C-alpha cells in the first residue's frame, strides 16, 4: 500500500502535458509592443490598418518523418528497398493584433502551430 501511495503521483505526473502554444501566447495579451518583441523576438512583418497594428512572427521547426520499413505491401512486392526517414519543416505564423499599443488578440496559421 505504501508503494502505491508513492507510485500514484509519479504515474499522474507522467500523464501531464505542458501548456499549448495558444496558452503560452495568451500571456502576451494586454502587454505592449516592447514586451512582445522582448519575448518573441523581432517580428518578420508589420502592418497598420484602421488604427490597429499587426505584428507577424514566424516559428519553424524541423521534424523527422518516419520512413516505411516494409518493402512489400498488401498486393505483393512494391519495391526492393525500404523507404528511409526524411525531414520536414513545420511552420507557424503568429500574428498579434495591437490596438492602442497593447496586444488585443493573436491568430495562428500553419501546420506547426499545434
PDB file of N, CA and C in Angstrom:
ATOM      1  N   UNK A   1       0.822  -1.198   0.000  1.00  0.00           N
ATOM      2  CA  UNK A   1       0.000   0.000   0.000  1.00  0.00           C
ATOM      3  C   UNK A   1       0.865   1.261   0.000  1.00  0.00           C
ATOM      4  N   UNK A   2       1.947   1.216   0.756  1.00  0.00           N
ATOM      5  CA  UNK A   2       2.823   2.368   0.839  1.00  0.00           C
ATOM      6  C   UNK A   2       3.479   2.649  -0.517  1.00  0.00           C
ATOM      7  N   UNK A   3       3.832   1.592  -1.244  1.00  0.00           N
ATOM      8  CA  UNK A   3       4.421   1.769  -2.571  1.00  0.00           C
ATOM      9  C   UNK A   3       3.425   2.418  -3.523  1.00  0.00           C
ATOM     10  N   UNK A   4       2.174   2.044  -3.395  1.00  0.00           N
ATOM     11  CA  UNK A   4       1.137   2.616  -4.249  1.00  0.00           C
ATOM     12  C   UNK A   4       0.993   4.110  -4.010  1.00  0.00           C
ATOM     13  N   UNK A   5       1.108   4.523  -2.767  1.00  0.00           N
ATOM     14  CA  UNK A   5       0.987   5.948  -2.447  1.00  0.00           C
ATOM     15  C   UNK A   5       2.113   6.741  -3.109  1.00  0.00           C
ATOM     16  N   UNK A   6       3.308   6.177  -3.155  1.00  0.00           N
ATOM     17  CA  UNK A   6       4.429   6.866  -3.790  1.00  0.00           C
ATOM     18  C   UNK A   6       4.382   6.755  -5.313  1.00  0.00           C
ATOM     19  N   UNK A   7       3.840   5.671  -5.831  1.00  0.00           N
ATOM     20  CA  UNK A   7       3.800   5.464  -7.274  1.00  0.00           C
ATOM     21  C   UNK A   7       2.693   6.264  -7.947  1.00  0.00           C
ATOM     22  N   UNK A   8       1.609   6.538  -7.242  1.00  0.00           N
ATOM     23  CA  UNK A   8       0.476   7.246  -7.835  1.00  0.00           C
ATOM     24  C   UNK A   8       0.850   8.650  -8.317  1.00  0.00           C
ATOM     25  N   UNK A   9       1.523   9.489  -7.525  1.00  0.00           N
ATOM     26  CA  UNK A   9       1.905  10.808  -8.058  1.00  0.00           C
ATOM     27  C   UNK A   9       2.854  10.720  -9.252  1.00  0.00           C
ATOM     28  N   UNK A  10       3.733   9.731  -9.257  1.00  0.00           N
ATOM     29  CA  UNK A  10       4.631   9.568 -10.402  1.00  0.00           C
ATOM     30  C   UNK A  10       3.862   9.189 -11.657  1.00  0.00           C
ATOM     31  N   UNK A  11       2.876   8.331 -11.510  1.00  0.00           N
ATOM     32  CA  UNK A  11       2.064   7.934 -12.661  1.00  0.00           C
ATOM     33  C   UNK A  11       1.255   9.111 -13.189  1.00  0.00           C
ATOM     34  N   UNK A  12       0.710   9.920 -12.300  1.00  0.00           N
ATOM     35  CA  UNK A  12      -0.057  11.086 -12.737  1.00  0.00           C
ATOM     36  C   UNK A  12       0.850  12.133 -13.379  1.00  0.00           C
ATOM     37  N   UNK A  13       2.048  12.305 -12.873  1.00  0.00           N
ATOM     38  CA  UNK A  13       2.985  13.272 -13.451  1.00  0.00           C
ATOM     39  C   UNK A  13       3.424  12.851 -14.848  1.00  0.00           C
ATOM     40  N   UNK A  14       3.490  11.559 -15.097  1.00  0.00           N
ATOM     41  CA  UNK A  14       3.879  11.074 -16.420  1.00  0.00           C
ATOM     42  C   UNK A  14       2.829  11.410 -17.467  1.00  0.00           C
ATOM     43  N   UNK A  15       1.578  11.550 -17.065  1.00  0.00           N
ATOM     44  CA  UNK A  15       0.497  11.864 -17.998  1.00  0.00           C
ATOM     45  C   UNK A  15       0.334  13.362 -18.218  1.00  0.00           C
ATOM     46  N   UNK A  16       0.969  14.174 -17.405  1.00  0.00           N
ATOM     47  CA  UNK A  16       0.805  15.621 -17.503  1.00  0.00           C
ATOM     48  C   UNK A  16       1.485  16.143 -18.766  1.00  0.00           C
ATOM     49  N   UNK A  17       0.862  17.135 -19.371  1.00  0.00           N
ATOM     50  CA  UNK A  17       1.446  17.784 -20.542  1.00  0.00           C
ATOM     51  C   UNK A  17       1.657  19.256 -20.226  1.00  0.00           C
ATOM     52  N   UNK A  18       2.559  19.867 -20.944  1.00  0.00           N
ATOM     53  CA  UNK A  18       2.837  21.282 -20.749  1.00  0.00           C
ATOM     54  C   UNK A  18       1.782  22.141 -21.423  1.00  0.00           C
ATOM     55  N   UNK A  19       1.881  23.445 -21.265  1.00  0.00           N
ATOM     56  CA  UNK A  19       0.907  24.336 -21.890  1.00  0.00           C
ATOM     57  C   UNK A  19       1.043  24.324 -23.413  1.00  0.00           C
ATOM     58  N   UNK A  20      -0.069  24.518 -24.085  1.00  0.00           N
ATOM     59  CA  UNK A  20      -0.066  24.574 -25.543  1.00  0.00           C
ATOM     60  C   UNK A  20       0.505  25.919 -26.006  1.00  0.00           C
ATOM     61  N   UNK A  21       0.741  26.040 -27.294  1.00  0.00           N
ATOM     62  CA  UNK A  21       1.255  27.290 -27.847  1.00  0.00           C
ATOM     63  C   UNK A  21       0.269  28.427 -27.600  1.00  0.00           C
ATOM     64  N   UNK A  22      -1.013  28.176 -27.770  1.00  0.00           N
ATOM     65  CA  UNK A  22      -2.023  29.213 -27.536  1.00  0.00           C
ATOM     66  C   UNK A  22      -2.026  29.667 -26.083  1.00  0.00           C
ATOM     67  N   UNK A  23      -1.872  28.726 -25.169  1.00  0.00           N
ATOM     68  CA  UNK A  23      -1.837  29.085 -23.751  1.00  0.00           C
ATOM     69  C   UNK A  23      -0.599  29.916 -23.422  1.00  0.00           C
ATOM     70  N   UNK A  24       0.530  29.575 -24.023  1.00  0.00           N
ATOM     71  CA  UNK A  24       1.747  30.346 -23.763  1.00  0.00           C
ATOM     72  C   UNK A  24       1.655  31.745 -24.357  1.00  0.00           C
ATOM     73  N   UNK A  25       1.056  31.860 -25.547  1.00  0.00           N
ATOM     74  CA  UNK A  25       0.959  33.172 -26.190  1.00  0.00           C
ATOM     75  C   UNK A  25      -0.103  34.055 -25.551  1.00  0.00           C
ATOM     76  N   UNK A  26      -1.099  33.466 -24.921  1.00  0.00           N
ATOM     77  CA  UNK A  26      -2.161  34.265 -24.300  1.00  0.00           C
ATOM     78  C   UNK A  26      -1.628  35.113 -23.149  1.00  0.00           C
ATOM     79  N   UNK A  27      -0.455  34.793 -22.622  1.00  0.00           N
ATOM     80  CA  UNK A  27       0.130  35.624 -21.564  1.00  0.00           C
ATOM     81  C   UNK A  27       0.565  36.987 -22.094  1.00  0.00           C
ATOM     82  N   UNK A  28       0.702  37.131 -23.411  1.00  0.00           N
ATOM     83  CA  UNK A  28       1.101  38.404 -24.001  1.00  0.00           C
ATOM     84  C   UNK A  28      -0.086  39.341 -24.239  1.00  0.00           C
ATOM     85  N   UNK A  29      -1.308  38.855 -24.098  1.00  0.00           N
ATOM     86  CA  UNK A  29      -2.483  39.703 -24.306  1.00  0.00           C
ATOM     87  C   UNK A  29      -2.491  40.804 -23.244  1.00  0.00           C
ATOM     88  N   UNK A  30      -2.670  42.034 -23.690  1.00  0.00           N
ATOM     89  CA  UNK A  30      -2.684  43.178 -22.791  1.00  0.00           C
ATOM     90  C   UNK A  30      -1.316  43.816 -22.599  1.00  0.00           C
ATOM     91  N   UNK A  31      -0.271  43.192 -23.097  1.00  0.00           N
ATOM     92  CA  UNK A  31       1.072  43.753 -22.955  1.00  0.00           C
ATOM     93  C   UNK A  31       1.404  44.641 -24.151  1.00  0.00           C
ATOM     94  N   UNK A  32       2.419  45.452 -23.989  1.00  0.00           N
ATOM     95  CA  UNK A  32       2.822  46.386 -25.027  1.00  0.00           C
ATOM     96  C   UNK A  32       3.687  45.743 -26.097  1.00  0.00           C
ATOM     97  N   UNK A  33       3.934  46.528 -27.142  1.00  0.00           N
ATOM     98  CA  UNK A  33       4.726  46.035 -28.271  1.00  0.00           C
ATOM     99  C   UNK A  33       6.150  45.694 -27.848  1.00  0.00           C
ATOM    100  N   UNK A  34       6.720  46.481 -26.953  1.00  0.00           N
ATOM    101  CA  UNK A  34       8.071  46.204 -26.473  1.00  0.00           C
ATOM    102  C   UNK A  34       8.160  44.873 -25.748  1.00  0.00           C
ATOM    103  N   UNK A  35       7.127  44.531 -24.988  1.00  0.00           N
ATOM    104  CA  UNK A  35       7.109  43.241 -24.299  1.00  0.00           C
ATOM    105  C   UNK A  35       7.005  42.086 -25.288  1.00  0.00           C
ATOM    106  N   UNK A  36       6.236  42.286 -26.360  1.00  0.00           N
ATOM    107  CA  UNK A  36       6.132  41.253 -27.397  1.00  0.00           C
ATOM    108  C   UNK A  36       7.480  41.020 -28.074  1.00  0.00           C
ATOM    109  N   UNK A  37       8.154  42.095 -28.420  1.00  0.00           N
ATOM    110  CA  UNK A  37       9.452  41.970 -29.084  1.00  0.00           C
ATOM    111  C   UNK A  37      10.473  41.356 -28.130  1.00  0.00           C
ATOM    112  N   UNK A  38      10.410  41.719 -26.867  1.00  0.00           N
ATOM    113  CA  UNK A  38      11.343  41.149 -25.889  1.00  0.00           C
ATOM    114  C   UNK A  38      11.095  39.659 -25.688  1.00  0.00           C
ATOM    115  N   UNK A  39       9.835  39.241 -25.751  1.00  0.00           N
ATOM    116  CA  UNK A  39       9.509  37.839 -25.507  1.00  0.00           C
ATOM    117  C   UNK A  39       9.588  36.943 -26.723  1.00  0.00           C
ATOM    118  N   UNK A  40       9.288  37.490 -27.904  1.00  0.00           N
ATOM    119  CA  UNK A  40       9.205  36.670 -29.115  1.00  0.00           C
ATOM    120  C   UNK A  40      10.262  37.007 -30.161  1.00  0.00           C
ATOM    121  N   UNK A  41      11.001  38.067 -29.961  1.00  0.00           N
ATOM    122  CA  UNK A  41      11.991  38.482 -30.947  1.00  0.00           C
ATOM    123  C   UNK A  41      11.413  39.528 -31.889  1.00  0.00           C
ATOM    124  N   UNK A  42      12.201  39.920 -32.843  1.00  0.00           N
ATOM    125  CA  UNK A  42      11.790  40.948 -33.799  1.00  0.00           C
ATOM    126  C   UNK A  42      10.794  40.346 -34.784  1.00  0.00           C
ATOM    127  N   UNK A  43       9.653  41.016 -35.030  1.00  0.00           N
ATOM    128  CA  UNK A  43       8.683  40.474 -35.989  1.00  0.00           C
ATOM    129  C   UNK A  43       9.231  40.505 -37.414  1.00  0.00           C
ATOM    130  N   UNK A  44       8.782  39.545 -38.220  1.00  0.00           N
ATOM    131  CA  UNK A  44       9.237  39.491 -39.610  1.00  0.00           C
ATOM    132  C   UNK A  44       8.446  40.452 -40.491  1.00  0.00           C
ATOM    133  N   UNK A  45       7.222  40.794 -40.095  1.00  0.00           N
ATOM    134  CA  UNK A  45       6.391  41.731 -40.849  1.00  0.00           C
ATOM    135  C   UNK A  45       5.563  42.571 -39.886  1.00  0.00           C
ATOM    136  N   UNK A  46       5.303  43.806 -40.289  1.00  0.00           N
ATOM    137  CA  UNK A  46       4.372  44.667 -39.558  1.00  0.00           C
ATOM    138  C   UNK A  46       3.443  45.320 -40.571  1.00  0.00           C
ATOM    139  N   UNK A  47       2.234  45.625 -40.106  1.00  0.00           N
ATOM    140  CA  UNK A  47       1.250  46.243 -40.988  1.00  0.00           C
ATOM    141  C   UNK A  47       0.326  47.078 -40.121  1.00  0.00           C
ATOM    142  N   UNK A  48      -0.110  48.220 -40.625  1.00  0.00           N
ATOM    143  CA  UNK A  48      -1.032  49.081 -39.890  1.00  0.00           C
ATOM    144  C   UNK A  48      -2.256  49.351 -40.742  1.00  0.00           C
ATOM    145  N   UNK A  49      -3.434  49.218 -40.113  1.00  0.00           N
ATOM    146  CA  UNK A  49      -4.698  49.499 -40.799  1.00  0.00           C
ATOM    147  C   UNK A  49      -5.785  49.737 -39.761  1.00  0.00           C
ATOM    148  N   UNK A  50      -6.636  50.713 -40.022  1.00  0.00           N
ATOM    149  CA  UNK A  50      -7.804  51.005 -39.185  1.00  0.00           C
ATOM    150  C   UNK A  50      -7.450  51.181 -37.712  1.00  0.00           C
ATOM    151  N   UNK A  51      -6.351  51.828 -37.432  1.00  0.00           N
ATOM    152  CA  UNK A  51      -5.957  52.073 -36.053  1.00  0.00           C
ATOM    153  C   UNK A  51      -5.400  50.860 -35.331  1.00  0.00           C
ATOM    154  N   UNK A  52      -5.174  49.803 -36.067  1.00  0.00           N
ATOM    155  CA  UNK A  52      -4.588  48.592 -35.471  1.00  0.00           C
ATOM    156  C   UNK A  52      -3.225  48.344 -36.094  1.00  0.00           C
ATOM    157  N   UNK A  53      -2.384  47.683 -35.331  1.00  0.00           N
ATOM    158  CA  UNK A  53      -1.043  47.316 -35.806  1.00  0.00           C
ATOM    159  C   UNK A  53      -0.924  45.803 -35.723  1.00  0.00           C
ATOM    160  N   UNK A  54      -0.451  45.201 -36.807  1.00  0.00           N
ATOM    161  CA  UNK A  54      -0.309  43.748 -36.889  1.00  0.00           C
ATOM    162  C   UNK A  54       1.176  43.403 -36.868  1.00  0.00           C
ATOM    163  N   UNK A  55       1.568  42.526 -35.954  1.00  0.00           N
ATOM    164  CA  UNK A  55       2.948  42.052 -35.868  1.00  0.00           C
ATOM    165  C   UNK A  55       2.954  40.562 -36.159  1.00  0.00           C
ATOM    166  N   UNK A  56       3.713  40.153 -37.163  1.00  0.00           N
ATOM    167  CA  UNK A  56       3.775  38.734 -37.518  1.00  0.00           C
ATOM    168  C   UNK A  56       5.131  38.163 -37.132  1.00  0.00           C
ATOM    169  N   UNK A  57       5.069  37.051 -36.408  1.00  0.00           N
ATOM    170  CA  UNK A  57       6.259  36.314 -36.003  1.00  0.00           C
ATOM    171  C   UNK A  57       6.213  34.948 -36.668  1.00  0.00           C
ATOM    172  N   UNK A  58       7.385  34.388 -36.961  1.00  0.00           N
ATOM    173  CA  UNK A  58       7.462  33.056 -37.564  1.00  0.00           C
ATOM    174  C   UNK A  58       8.111  32.090 -36.588  1.00  0.00           C
ATOM    175  N   UNK A  59       7.591  30.894 -36.585  1.00  0.00           N
ATOM    176  CA  UNK A  59       8.165  29.823 -35.768  1.00  0.00           C
ATOM    177  C   UNK A  59       8.342  28.627 -36.689  1.00  0.00           C
ATOM    178  N   UNK A  60       9.556  28.108 -36.768  1.00  0.00           N
ATOM    179  CA  UNK A  60       9.832  26.949 -37.619  1.00  0.00           C
ATOM    180  C   UNK A  60      10.538  25.885 -36.802  1.00  0.00           C
ATOM    181  N   UNK A  61      10.225  24.645 -37.122  1.00  0.00           N
ATOM    182  CA  UNK A  61      10.945  23.537 -36.506  1.00  0.00           C
ATOM    183  C   UNK A  61      11.043  22.409 -37.522  1.00  0.00           C
ATOM    184  N   UNK A  62      12.099  21.651 -37.415  1.00  0.00           N
ATOM    185  CA  UNK A  62      12.326  20.517 -38.299  1.00  0.00           C
ATOM    186  C   UNK A  62      11.919  19.250 -37.571  1.00  0.00           C
ATOM    187  N   UNK A  63      11.086  18.437 -38.227  1.00  0.00           N
ATOM    188  CA  UNK A  63      10.601  17.200 -37.616  1.00  0.00           C
ATOM    189  C   UNK A  63      11.019  16.015 -38.478  1.00  0.00           C
ATOM    190  N   UNK A  64      11.167  14.891 -37.836  1.00  0.00           N
ATOM    191  CA  UNK A  64      11.518  13.653 -38.522  1.00  0.00           C
ATOM    192  C   UNK A  64      10.245  12.971 -39.005  1.00  0.00           C
ATOM    193  N   UNK A  65      10.198  12.639 -40.275  1.00  0.00           N
ATOM    194  CA  UNK A  65       9.082  11.895 -40.853  1.00  0.00           C
ATOM    195  C   UNK A  65       9.560  10.461 -41.033  1.00  0.00           C
ATOM    196  N   UNK A  66       8.971   9.522 -40.283  1.00  0.00           N
ATOM    197  CA  UNK A  66       9.468   8.144 -40.365  1.00  0.00           C
ATOM    198  C   UNK A  66       9.226   7.541 -41.738  1.00  0.00           C
ATOM    199  N   UNK A  67      10.148   6.714 -42.141  1.00  0.00           N
ATOM    200  CA  UNK A  67      10.025   6.025 -43.420  1.00  0.00           C
ATOM    201  C   UNK A  67       9.201   4.764 -43.286  1.00  0.00           C
ATOM    202  N   UNK A  68       9.082   4.048 -44.375  1.00  0.00           N
ATOM    203  CA  UNK A  68       8.338   2.798 -44.408  1.00  0.00           C
ATOM    204  C   UNK A  68       9.338   1.651 -44.324  1.00  0.00           C
ATOM    205  N   UNK A  69       9.352   0.911 -43.211  1.00  0.00           N
ATOM    206  CA  UNK A  69      10.350  -0.153 -43.091  1.00  0.00           C
ATOM    207  C   UNK A  69      10.010  -1.404 -43.893  1.00  0.00           C
ATOM    208  N   UNK A  70       8.794  -1.495 -44.395  1.00  0.00           N
ATOM    209  CA  UNK A  70       8.366  -2.700 -45.109  1.00  0.00           C
ATOM    210  C   UNK A  70       8.556  -2.509 -46.605  1.00  0.00           C
ATOM    211  N   UNK A  71       9.158  -3.475 -47.227  1.00  0.00           N
ATOM    212  CA  UNK A  71       9.428  -3.344 -48.658  1.00  0.00           C
ATOM    213  C   UNK A  71       8.331  -3.960 -49.515  1.00  0.00           C
ATOM    214  N   UNK A  72       7.333  -4.522 -48.910  1.00  0.00           N
ATOM    215  CA  UNK A  72       6.232  -5.085 -49.691  1.00  0.00           C
ATOM    216  C   UNK A  72       4.915  -4.750 -49.002  1.00  0.00           C
ATOM    217  N   UNK A  73       3.887  -4.637 -49.786  1.00  0.00           N
ATOM    218  CA  UNK A  73       2.590  -4.244 -49.267  1.00  0.00           C
ATOM    219  C   UNK A  73       1.578  -5.362 -49.345  1.00  0.00           C
ATOM    220  N   UNK A  74       0.338  -4.992 -49.300  1.00  0.00           N
ATOM    221  CA  UNK A  74      -0.764  -5.937 -49.283  1.00  0.00           C
ATOM    222  C   UNK A  74      -0.833  -6.745 -50.578  1.00  0.00           C
ATOM    223  N   UNK A  75      -0.536  -6.107 -51.698  1.00  0.00           N
ATOM    224  CA  UNK A  75      -0.650  -6.768 -53.000  1.00  0.00           C
ATOM    225  C   UNK A  75       0.676  -7.334 -53.498  1.00  0.00           C
ATOM    226  N   UNK A  76       1.633  -7.504 -52.632  1.00  0.00           N
ATOM    227  CA  UNK A  76       2.910  -8.066 -53.058  1.00  0.00           C
ATOM    228  C   UNK A  76       4.019  -7.045 -53.058  1.00  0.00           C
ATOM    229  N   UNK A  77       5.052  -7.337 -53.791  1.00  0.00           N
ATOM    230  CA  UNK A  77       6.254  -6.521 -53.787  1.00  0.00           C
ATOM    231  C   UNK A  77       5.993  -5.129 -54.352  1.00  0.00           C
ATOM    232  N   UNK A  78       6.298  -4.104 -53.582  1.00  0.00           N
ATOM    233  CA  UNK A  78       6.184  -2.728 -54.060  1.00  0.00           C
ATOM    234  C   UNK A  78       7.517  -2.232 -54.574  1.00  0.00           C
ATOM    235  N   UNK A  79       8.537  -2.476 -53.787  1.00  0.00           N
ATOM    236  CA  UNK A  79       9.875  -2.028 -54.151  1.00  0.00           C
ATOM    237  C   UNK A  79      10.879  -2.919 -53.423  1.00  0.00           C
ATOM    238  N   UNK A  80      12.053  -3.043 -53.948  1.00  0.00           N
ATOM    239  CA  UNK A  80      13.033  -3.940 -53.326  1.00  0.00           C
ATOM    240  C   UNK A  80      13.791  -3.310 -52.156  1.00  0.00           C
ATOM    241  N   UNK A  81      13.451  -2.086 -51.761  1.00  0.00           N
ATOM    242  CA  UNK A  81      14.160  -1.422 -50.668  1.00  0.00           C
ATOM    243  C   UNK A  81      13.147  -0.749 -49.749  1.00  0.00           C
ATOM    244  N   UNK A  82      13.565  -0.479 -48.547  1.00  0.00           N
ATOM    245  CA  UNK A  82      12.724   0.253 -47.599  1.00  0.00           C
ATOM    246  C   UNK A  82      12.886   1.753 -47.838  1.00  0.00           C
ATOM    247  N   UNK A  83      11.852   2.513 -47.558  1.00  0.00           N
ATOM    248  CA  UNK A  83      11.904   3.964 -47.715  1.00  0.00           C
ATOM    249  C   UNK A  83      12.543   4.554 -46.456  1.00  0.00           C
ATOM    250  N   UNK A  84      13.614   5.325 -46.599  1.00  0.00           N
ATOM    251  CA  UNK A  84      14.269   5.888 -45.414  1.00  0.00           C
ATOM    252  C   UNK A  84      13.463   7.044 -44.819  1.00  0.00           C
ATOM    253  N   UNK A  85      13.790   7.373 -43.604  1.00  0.00           N
ATOM    254  CA  UNK A  85      13.172   8.525 -42.954  1.00  0.00           C
ATOM    255  C   UNK A  85      13.631   9.803 -43.640  1.00  0.00           C
ATOM    256  N   UNK A  86      12.833  10.843 -43.501  1.00  0.00           N
ATOM    257  CA  UNK A  86      13.200  12.136 -44.067  1.00  0.00           C
ATOM    258  C   UNK A  86      12.827  13.224 -43.066  1.00  0.00           C
ATOM    259  N   UNK A  87      13.131  14.446 -43.415  1.00  0.00           N
ATOM    260  CA  UNK A  87      12.853  15.576 -42.541  1.00  0.00           C
ATOM    261  C   UNK A  87      11.909  16.538 -43.243  1.00  0.00           C
ATOM    262  N   UNK A  88      11.072  17.201 -42.452  1.00  0.00           N
ATOM    263  CA  UNK A  88      10.152  18.203 -42.979  1.00  0.00           C
ATOM    264  C   UNK A  88      10.189  19.422 -42.062  1.00  0.00           C
ATOM    265  N   UNK A  89       9.952  20.587 -42.629  1.00  0.00           N
ATOM    266  CA  UNK A  89       9.915  21.825 -41.856  1.00  0.00           C
ATOM    267  C   UNK A  89       8.458  22.171 -41.591  1.00  0.00           C
ATOM    268  N   UNK A  90       8.116  22.311 -40.315  1.00  0.00           N
ATOM    269  CA  UNK A  90       6.777  22.757 -39.925  1.00  0.00           C
ATOM    270  C   UNK A  90       6.872  24.233 -39.581  1.00  0.00           C
ATOM    271  N   UNK A  91       5.957  25.004 -40.118  1.00  0.00           N
ATOM    272  CA  UNK A  91       5.998  26.450 -39.942  1.00  0.00           C
ATOM    273  C   UNK A  91       4.718  26.927 -39.284  1.00  0.00           C
ATOM    274  N   UNK A  92       4.854  27.912 -38.420  1.00  0.00           N
ATOM    275  CA  UNK A  92       3.700  28.524 -37.767  1.00  0.00           C
ATOM    276  C   UNK A  92       3.864  30.037 -37.835  1.00  0.00           C
ATOM    277  N   UNK A  93       2.873  30.714 -38.387  1.00  0.00           N
ATOM    278  CA  UNK A  93       2.861  32.175 -38.432  1.00  0.00           C
ATOM    279  C   UNK A  93       1.974  32.673 -37.306  1.00  0.00           C
ATOM    280  N   UNK A  94       2.534  33.496 -36.440  1.00  0.00           N
ATOM    281  CA  UNK A  94       1.823  34.048 -35.288  1.00  0.00           C
ATOM    282  C   UNK A  94       1.636  35.533 -35.547  1.00  0.00           C
ATOM    283  N   UNK A  95       0.396  35.988 -35.584  1.00  0.00           N
ATOM    284  CA  UNK A  95       0.109  37.398 -35.829  1.00  0.00           C
ATOM    285  C   UNK A  95      -0.588  37.986 -34.611  1.00  0.00           C
ATOM    286  N   UNK A  96       0.031  38.980 -34.003  1.00  0.00           N
ATOM    287  CA  UNK A  96      -0.573  39.703 -32.887  1.00  0.00           C
ATOM    288  C   UNK A  96      -1.222  40.966 -33.422  1.00  0.00           C
ATOM    289  N   UNK A  97      -2.391  41.285 -32.904  1.00  0.00           N
ATOM    290  CA  UNK A  97      -3.115  42.495 -33.281  1.00  0.00           C
ATOM    291  C   UNK A  97      -3.042  43.449 -32.096  1.00  0.00           C
ATOM    292  N   UNK A  98      -2.477  44.641 -32.346  1.00  0.00           N
ATOM    293  CA  UNK A  98      -2.329  45.640 -31.297  1.00  0.00           C
ATOM    294  C   UNK A  98      -3.258  46.806 -31.569  1.00  0.00           C
ATOM    295  N   UNK A  99      -3.901  47.286 -30.525  1.00  0.00           N
ATOM    296  CA  UNK A  99      -4.734  48.484 -30.612  1.00  0.00           C
ATOM    297  C   UNK A  99      -4.361  49.356 -29.414  1.00  0.00           C
ATOM    298  N   UNK A 100      -4.012  50.590 -29.695  1.00  0.00           N
ATOM    299  CA  UNK A 100      -3.590  51.481 -28.617  1.00  0.00           C
ATOM    300  C   UNK A 100      -2.275  51.059 -27.987  1.00  0.00           C
ATOM    301  N   UNK A 101      -1.427  50.379 -28.748  1.00  0.00           N
ATOM    302  CA  UNK A 101      -0.125  49.970 -28.249  1.00  0.00           C
ATOM    303  C   UNK A 101      -0.135  48.716 -27.400  1.00  0.00           C
ATOM    304  N   UNK A 102      -1.306  48.083 -27.236  1.00  0.00           N
ATOM    305  CA  UNK A 102      -1.422  46.873 -26.416  1.00  0.00           C
ATOM    306  C   UNK A 102      -1.931  45.711 -27.258  1.00  0.00           C
ATOM    307  N   UNK A 103      -1.435  44.511 -26.955  1.00  0.00           N
ATOM    308  CA  UNK A 103      -1.862  43.312 -27.687  1.00  0.00           C
ATOM    309  C   UNK A 103      -3.316  43.012 -27.348  1.00  0.00           C
ATOM    310  N   UNK A 104      -4.125  42.937 -28.389  1.00  0.00           N
ATOM    311  CA  UNK A 104      -5.563  42.704 -28.231  1.00  0.00           C
ATOM    312  C   UNK A 104      -5.914  41.236 -28.452  1.00  0.00           C
ATOM    313  N   UNK A 105      -5.296  40.617 -29.464  1.00  0.00           N
ATOM    314  CA  UNK A 105      -5.552  39.208 -29.778  1.00  0.00           C
ATOM    315  C   UNK A 105      -4.419  38.697 -30.660  1.00  0.00           C
ATOM    316  N   UNK A 106      -4.484  37.408 -30.975  1.00  0.00           N
ATOM    317  CA  UNK A 106      -3.491  36.817 -31.871  1.00  0.00           C
ATOM    318  C   UNK A 106      -4.145  35.718 -32.680  1.00  0.00           C
ATOM    319  N   UNK A 107      -3.542  35.414 -33.829  1.00  0.00           N
ATOM    320  CA  UNK A 107      -4.002  34.310 -34.670  1.00  0.00           C
ATOM    321  C   UNK A 107      -2.810  33.424 -34.999  1.00  0.00           C
ATOM    322  N   UNK A 108      -3.101  32.155 -35.254  1.00  0.00           N
ATOM    323  CA  UNK A 108      -2.082  31.171 -35.603  1.00  0.00           C
ATOM    324  C   UNK A 108      -2.430  30.563 -36.955  1.00  0.00           C
ATOM    325  N   UNK A 109      -1.452  30.455 -37.843  1.00  0.00           N
ATOM    326  CA  UNK A 109      -1.651  29.843 -39.154  1.00  0.00           C
ATOM    327  C   UNK A 109      -0.471  28.927 -39.458  1.00  0.00           C
ATOM    328  N   UNK A 110      -0.768  27.706 -39.889  1.00  0.00           N
ATOM    329  CA  UNK A 110       0.281  26.781 -40.288  1.00  0.00           C
ATOM    330  C   UNK A 110       0.170  25.439 -39.596  1.00  0.00           C
ATOM    331  N   UNK A 111       0.873  24.464 -40.159  1.00  0.00           N
ATOM    332  CA  UNK A 111       0.799  23.107 -39.626  1.00  0.00           C
ATOM    333  C   UNK A 111       1.651  22.924 -38.382  1.00  0.00           C
ATOM    334  N   UNK A 112       2.543  23.849 -38.083  1.00  0.00           N
ATOM    335  CA  UNK A 112       3.393  23.728 -36.909  1.00  0.00           C
ATOM    336  C   UNK A 112       2.868  24.451 -35.684  1.00  0.00           C
ATOM    337  N   UNK A 113       1.602  24.821 -35.699  1.00  0.00           N
ATOM    338  CA  UNK A 113       1.025  25.594 -34.592  1.00  0.00           C
ATOM    339  C   UNK A 113       0.400  24.730 -33.505  1.00  0.00           C
ATOM    340  N   UNK A 114       0.489  23.440 -33.626  1.00  0.00           N
ATOM    341  CA  UNK A 114      -0.151  22.591 -32.615  1.00  0.00           C
ATOM    342  C   UNK A 114       0.692  22.459 -31.374  1.00  0.00           C
TER     343      UNK A 114
END
